[in-house]
Amino acid sequence: MARTWGFWTRGKLDILRSYLSAFTTASKSARERLYFDLFAGGAENVDRITQEPFPGSPWIALDTDDPPFTKLRFFELDRPEELESRLRADFPGRDLRVLRGDCNETIHEALAELEPLARAPAFAFVDPDGPDVRWSTLEALAAFKANRRFKVELWMLFPEPMFVRLLRTDGGAIEPEHAGRITAMFGSEQWRAIYRARLGGRLAPPEARIEYVNLMRWRLQTVLGYRWTHALEVHNEQGHPMYHLVFATDHPAGDRIMRHLYGKAFEEFPKMRQQAIDQRLGAMTLFDDVGLGAEAQEYRYEPPWEP
């Protein structure tokens, strides 16, 4: 069964398509180019309003062709056999694999297989539905090219609004499972200081979300050693925050390209939002005055601060 997605998913994939094209073009001189797609998703995706099908990230990566990625590894829990069958049918002869099971476990198998190619430019798309990626996975990806000039570039969905929902502020105890998932994602208990500030009234929910995003960026740079991180906040039709897209790179070209693409997203996402509203309401403009939180702005890089 096809999964349905909002306009923000299509916007995210538009950024991915543009970045992967720039990435492979910039690394054209390399003999190999590696792509990792964690939480790769299903074989069928449709727009939840128009019901129009659109390609998921595996198809976008495999369609990148100037030049193409030479080895692609996808990770999926839900019906991975169907995904692999569809990909092999659509892209015969490509060096691709769909690894079955939890990507936090199977990533090590994929990295071990490709270790002889650790010199190759590599990109990882980490796209969980919730706080389901572990810090140990990000650490393994960063360490894959240890002692190389540039690490694996990371682009990840960071679902910080979910933290605000999972971490209770009504006096009740946090579910141990929720706390464990968040600790595993950060690889640290440092998030608890933000939560205590939220409980104490020193941080409002939007401020807490900013602090959680900053903590992840700060750890990517100071613990894993990435030179630059960027964060783009994504909103739904009502203007509510959905997640941040966090990018990490060591390469000046990667930094420059993603700054440009995030700048374009600041212009395009509000247009996509308005189009989705018009489609849902039959071209009515009832919600024109609902704040998106990113109108008439431009993307500006700011480094993370020490938590």
Protein backbone atom coordinates (compact mmCIF):
# COMPACT_ATOMS: atom_id res chain seq x y z
CA MET A 1 0.00 0.00 0.00
CA ALA A 2 1.29 3.45 -0.92
CA ARG A 3 2.14 5.82 1.92
CA THR A 4 0.77 9.35 1.79
CA TRP A 5 2.88 12.42 2.51
CA GLY A 6 2.46 16.17 2.78
CA PHE A 7 4.02 18.91 0.69
CA TRP A 8 6.92 19.18 3.13
CA THR A 9 8.07 15.67 2.19
CA ARG A 10 8.13 16.59 -1.48
CA GLY A 11 10.06 19.74 -0.60
CA LYS A 12 12.57 17.70 1.37
CA LEU A 13 13.04 15.35 -1.57
CA ASP A 14 13.48 18.30 -3.94
CA ILE A 15 16.41 19.44 -1.80
CA LEU A 16 17.81 15.91 -1.80
CA ARG A 17 17.57 15.67 -5.58
CA SER A 18 19.37 18.98 -6.08
CA TYR A 19 22.07 18.21 -3.54
CA LEU A 20 22.83 14.72 -4.86
CA SER A 21 23.18 16.09 -8.38
CA ALA A 22 25.63 18.71 -7.14
CA PHE A 23 27.44 16.14 -4.98
CA THR A 24 28.14 13.68 -7.79
CA THR A 25 29.08 16.47 -10.21
CA ALA A 26 31.58 17.85 -7.69
CA SER A 27 33.05 14.35 -7.20
CA LYS A 28 33.12 13.46 -10.89
CA SER A 29 36.85 12.74 -10.84
CA ALA A 30 36.44 9.98 -8.22
CA ARG A 31 36.20 6.39 -9.43
CA GLU A 32 33.56 5.49 -6.82
CA ARG A 33 30.73 7.42 -5.16
CA LEU A 34 28.83 5.88 -2.23
CA TYR A 35 25.26 6.51 -1.11
CA PHE A 36 23.64 5.31 2.13
CA ASP A 37 19.89 5.67 2.64
CA LEU A 38 18.80 4.88 6.19
CA PHE A 39 15.02 4.50 6.71
CA ALA A 40 14.68 4.31 2.93
CA GLY A 41 10.89 3.96 2.95
CA GLY A 42 8.45 2.06 0.77
CA ALA A 43 8.23 1.48 -2.93
CA GLU A 44 5.13 3.67 -3.41
CA ASN A 45 4.54 7.23 -2.24
CA VAL A 46 1.65 9.57 -3.04
CA ASP A 47 0.73 13.15 -2.27
CA ARG A 48 -1.90 13.05 0.45
CA ILE A 49 -3.99 15.78 -1.20
CA THR A 50 -3.70 15.14 -4.93
CA GLN A 51 -3.00 11.37 -4.67
CA GLU A 52 -0.30 11.85 -7.30
CA PRO A 53 2.58 9.36 -7.00
CA PHE A 54 6.12 10.64 -6.56
CA PRO A 55 9.50 8.90 -6.28
CA GLY A 56 11.05 8.24 -2.90
CA SER A 57 14.66 8.86 -1.98
CA PRO A 58 15.99 5.54 -3.40
CA TRP A 59 14.71 6.44 -6.85
CA ILE A 60 16.08 9.96 -6.59
CA ALA A 61 19.54 8.63 -5.67
CA LEU A 62 19.53 6.04 -8.45
CA ASP A 63 18.33 8.61 -10.99
CA THR A 64 21.27 10.88 -10.20
CA ASP A 65 23.39 10.35 -13.28
CA ASP A 66 25.98 13.06 -13.96
CA PRO A 67 27.78 10.95 -12.89
CA PRO A 68 25.85 8.27 -10.97
CA PHE A 69 26.55 6.84 -7.54
CA THR A 70 28.47 3.62 -8.08
CA LYS A 71 27.37 1.77 -4.94
CA LEU A 72 24.10 2.38 -3.11
CA ARG A 73 22.98 0.79 0.14
CA PHE A 74 19.42 1.13 1.40
CA PHE A 75 18.09 0.20 4.84
CA GLU A 76 14.46 -0.62 5.57
CA LEU A 77 12.44 -2.53 8.17
CA ASP A 78 9.05 -2.57 6.47
CA ARG A 79 8.75 -4.85 3.42
CA PRO A 80 12.39 -4.54 2.31
CA GLU A 81 12.01 -7.38 -0.20
CA GLU A 82 9.40 -5.40 -2.12
CA LEU A 83 11.62 -2.32 -2.15
CA GLU A 84 14.62 -4.27 -3.45
CA SER A 85 12.55 -6.03 -6.10
CA ARG A 86 11.20 -2.73 -7.41
CA LEU A 87 14.60 -1.06 -7.41
CA ARG A 88 16.28 -3.93 -9.26
CA ALA A 89 13.48 -3.96 -11.83
CA ASP A 90 13.75 -0.20 -12.40
CA PHE A 91 17.56 -0.05 -12.29
CA PRO A 92 18.96 -3.34 -13.64
CA GLY A 93 22.68 -3.80 -13.38
CA ARG A 94 23.23 -1.21 -10.63
CA ASP A 95 25.30 -2.06 -7.57
CA LEU A 96 22.55 -1.71 -4.96
CA ARG A 97 21.44 -3.61 -1.86
CA VAL A 98 18.53 -3.27 0.52
CA LEU A 99 19.63 -4.34 3.99
CA ARG A 100 16.82 -5.84 6.03
CA GLY A 101 16.24 -4.98 9.65
CA ASP A 102 17.12 -2.13 11.99
CA CYS A 103 19.56 0.19 10.22
CA ASN A 104 21.23 0.93 13.54
CA GLU A 105 22.40 -2.69 13.48
CA THR A 106 22.85 -3.36 9.78
CA ILE A 107 24.82 -0.16 9.06
CA HIS A 108 27.94 -1.88 10.42
CA GLU A 109 27.62 -4.71 7.88
CA ALA A 110 27.33 -2.23 5.01
CA LEU A 111 30.28 -0.16 6.17
CA ALA A 112 32.44 -3.25 6.65
CA GLU A 113 31.62 -4.41 3.11
CA LEU A 114 32.59 -1.06 1.62
CA GLU A 115 35.63 -0.41 3.82
CA PRO A 116 38.05 -0.92 0.89
CA LEU A 117 36.35 2.09 -0.74
CA ALA A 118 36.65 4.39 2.26
CA ARG A 119 38.49 6.94 0.14
CA ALA A 120 35.41 7.44 -2.04
CA PRO A 121 33.10 10.45 -1.61
CA ALA A 122 30.11 9.31 0.43
CA PHE A 123 26.71 10.72 1.38
CA ALA A 124 24.20 9.41 3.94
CA PHE A 125 20.52 10.35 4.05
CA VAL A 126 19.08 9.62 7.51
CA ASP A 127 15.30 9.99 7.40
CA PRO A 128 13.54 8.48 10.45
CA ASP A 129 9.89 9.06 11.37
CA GLY A 130 10.87 9.76 14.99
CA PRO A 131 13.87 9.61 17.33
CA ASP A 132 14.86 6.24 15.89
CA VAL A 133 18.43 6.78 14.71
CA ARG A 134 21.11 6.14 17.33
CA TRP A 135 24.18 8.24 17.91
CA SER A 136 26.25 5.08 17.46
CA THR A 137 25.01 4.96 13.85
CA LEU A 138 26.02 8.56 13.16
CA GLU A 139 29.34 7.83 14.87
CA ALA A 140 29.92 4.78 12.66
CA LEU A 141 29.20 6.78 9.51
CA ALA A 142 31.56 9.55 10.57
CA ALA A 143 34.27 7.04 11.47
CA PHE A 144 33.99 5.18 8.15
CA LYS A 145 36.45 7.58 6.55
CA ALA A 146 38.69 7.92 9.58
CA ASN A 147 41.96 9.68 8.81
CA ARG A 148 40.55 10.91 5.50
CA ARG A 149 40.20 14.58 4.74
CA PHE A 150 36.41 14.47 4.40
CA LYS A 151 33.97 12.32 6.37
CA VAL A 152 30.70 10.88 5.08
CA GLU A 153 28.33 13.79 4.60
CA LEU A 154 25.20 13.45 6.75
CA TRP A 155 21.75 14.83 6.06
CA MET A 156 19.24 13.87 8.71
CA LEU A 157 15.67 14.52 9.73
CA PHE A 158 15.75 15.66 13.35
CA PRO A 159 12.25 15.36 14.94
CA GLU A 160 12.65 17.72 17.88
CA PRO A 161 8.90 18.64 18.13
CA MET A 162 8.34 15.00 19.11
CA PHE A 163 10.68 15.47 22.06
CA VAL A 164 8.39 18.18 23.41
CA ARG A 165 5.47 15.73 23.17
CA LEU A 166 7.31 12.73 24.62
CA LEU A 167 8.86 14.62 27.54
CA ARG A 168 6.00 15.30 29.93
CA THR A 169 5.64 18.66 31.65
CA ASP A 170 2.47 17.83 33.63
CA GLY A 171 4.28 16.40 36.62
CA GLY A 172 4.14 12.80 35.42
CA ALA A 173 7.19 10.61 34.95
CA ILE A 174 8.79 10.24 31.54
CA GLU A 175 8.32 6.81 30.03
CA PRO A 176 11.70 5.05 30.31
CA GLU A 177 11.40 3.95 26.68
CA HIS A 178 11.00 7.56 25.53
CA ALA A 179 13.96 8.76 27.58
CA GLY A 180 16.05 5.87 26.30
CA ARG A 181 15.30 6.64 22.66
CA ILE A 182 16.26 10.28 23.08
CA THR A 183 19.46 9.43 24.95
CA ALA A 184 20.37 6.92 22.23
CA MET A 185 19.80 9.55 19.54
CA PHE A 186 22.03 12.13 21.22
CA GLY A 187 24.51 9.59 22.56
CA SER A 188 24.44 11.58 25.77
CA GLU A 189 22.26 12.60 28.70
CA GLN A 190 22.92 16.28 27.95
CA TRP A 191 19.36 16.71 26.66
CA ARG A 192 18.12 16.39 30.24
CA ALA A 193 19.47 19.86 31.09
CA ILE A 194 17.20 21.31 28.38
CA TYR A 195 14.28 19.30 29.73
CA ARG A 196 14.92 20.53 33.28
CA ALA A 197 14.96 24.11 32.02
CA ARG A 198 11.65 23.44 30.28
CA LEU A 199 10.16 22.00 33.49
CA GLY A 200 11.43 24.97 35.47
CA GLY A 201 9.77 27.44 33.12
CA ARG A 202 13.09 28.84 31.91
CA LEU A 203 12.41 27.65 28.35
CA ALA A 204 9.17 27.86 26.37
CA PRO A 205 8.43 24.96 23.94
CA PRO A 206 9.85 26.79 20.88
CA GLU A 207 13.00 27.67 22.81
CA ALA A 208 13.39 24.07 23.97
CA ARG A 209 13.13 22.85 20.39
CA ILE A 210 15.88 25.26 19.34
CA GLU A 211 18.09 24.01 22.17
CA TYR A 212 17.59 20.36 21.21
CA VAL A 213 18.54 21.11 17.60
CA ASN A 214 21.56 23.09 18.74
CA LEU A 215 22.70 20.24 20.99
CA MET A 216 22.64 17.82 18.07
CA ARG A 217 24.56 20.24 15.85
CA TRP A 218 27.07 20.97 18.60
CA ARG A 219 27.73 17.27 19.16
CA LEU A 220 28.08 16.61 15.42
CA GLN A 221 30.77 19.29 15.27
CA THR A 222 32.58 18.89 18.57
CA VAL A 223 32.28 15.13 19.11
CA LEU A 224 32.20 13.76 15.56
CA GLY A 225 34.37 16.54 14.16
CA TYR A 226 32.27 17.93 11.33
CA ARG A 227 33.32 21.40 10.31
CA TRP A 228 29.90 22.80 9.42
CA THR A 229 26.32 21.95 10.32
CA HIS A 230 23.17 23.56 8.97
CA ALA A 231 19.59 23.32 10.22
CA LEU A 232 16.39 24.10 8.30
CA GLU A 233 13.04 24.12 10.11
CA VAL A 234 10.13 22.56 8.19
CA HIS A 235 6.47 23.38 8.86
CA ASN A 236 3.13 21.84 7.89
CA GLU A 237 0.13 23.51 6.25
CA GLN A 238 -0.97 25.13 9.51
CA GLY A 239 2.48 26.55 10.15
CA HIS A 240 3.30 24.10 12.94
CA PRO A 241 6.91 22.86 13.13
CA MET A 242 7.41 19.31 11.86
CA TYR A 243 11.17 18.79 12.16
CA HIS A 244 14.56 20.25 11.28
CA LEU A 245 16.74 19.04 8.44
CA VAL A 246 20.27 18.93 9.83
CA PHE A 247 23.23 18.73 7.46
CA ALA A 248 26.84 18.00 8.44
CA THR A 249 29.90 18.30 6.21
CA ASP A 250 33.64 18.93 6.22
CA HIS A 251 33.79 20.03 2.60
CA PRO A 252 33.63 23.73 1.65
CA ALA A 253 31.68 22.81 -1.49
CA GLY A 254 29.09 20.90 0.55
CA ASP A 255 28.76 23.85 2.92
CA ARG A 256 28.33 26.28 0.04
CA ILE A 257 25.84 24.15 -1.88
CA MET A 258 23.58 23.44 1.10
CA ARG A 259 23.57 27.09 2.13
CA HIS A 260 22.29 27.87 -1.36
CA LEU A 261 19.66 25.11 -1.29
CA TYR A 262 18.40 26.07 2.15
CA GLY A 263 18.11 29.65 0.90
CA LYS A 264 15.99 28.44 -2.01
CA ALA A 265 13.88 26.36 0.38
CA PHE A 266 13.06 29.47 2.39
CA GLU A 267 11.51 30.84 -0.80
CA GLU A 268 9.90 27.67 -2.15
CA PHE A 269 8.43 26.04 0.96
CA PRO A 270 5.92 28.87 1.64
CA LYS A 271 4.78 28.64 -2.01
CA MET A 272 4.36 24.88 -1.70
CA ARG A 273 2.44 25.35 1.51
CA GLN A 274 0.06 27.84 -0.07
CA GLN A 275 -0.44 25.55 -3.05
CA ALA A 276 -1.32 22.67 -0.70
CA ILE A 277 -3.79 24.87 1.17
CA ASP A 278 -5.41 25.95 -2.10
CA GLN A 279 -5.68 22.35 -3.29
CA ARG A 280 -7.23 21.21 -0.03
CA LEU A 281 -9.71 24.08 0.15
CA GLY A 282 -10.52 24.39 -3.52
CA ALA A 283 -8.42 27.54 -4.10
CA MET A 284 -9.92 29.26 -1.03
CA THR A 285 -7.45 31.40 0.91
CA LEU A 286 -8.92 30.98 4.38
CA PHE A 287 -5.54 30.31 5.95
CA ASP A 288 -3.48 32.93 4.13
CA ASP A 289 -2.83 34.69 7.41
CA VAL A 290 -1.63 31.60 9.29
CA GLY A 291 2.04 32.17 10.10
CA LEU A 292 4.52 29.74 8.62
CA GLY A 293 7.38 30.94 10.73
CA ALA A 294 9.65 31.29 7.71
CA GLU A 295 8.05 33.93 5.48
CA ALA A 296 10.03 36.73 3.90
CA GLN A 297 13.29 35.55 5.42
CA GLU A 298 16.56 34.33 4.07
CA TYR A 299 18.66 31.47 5.25
CA ARG A 300 21.63 32.58 7.34
CA TYR A 301 24.24 30.26 8.73
CA GLU A 302 24.82 30.46 12.46
CA PRO A 303 27.23 28.08 14.19
CA PRO A 304 25.97 26.11 17.18
CA TRP A 305 26.74 27.41 20.63
CA GLU A 306 28.01 25.38 23.57
CA PRO A 307 24.97 23.96 25.42
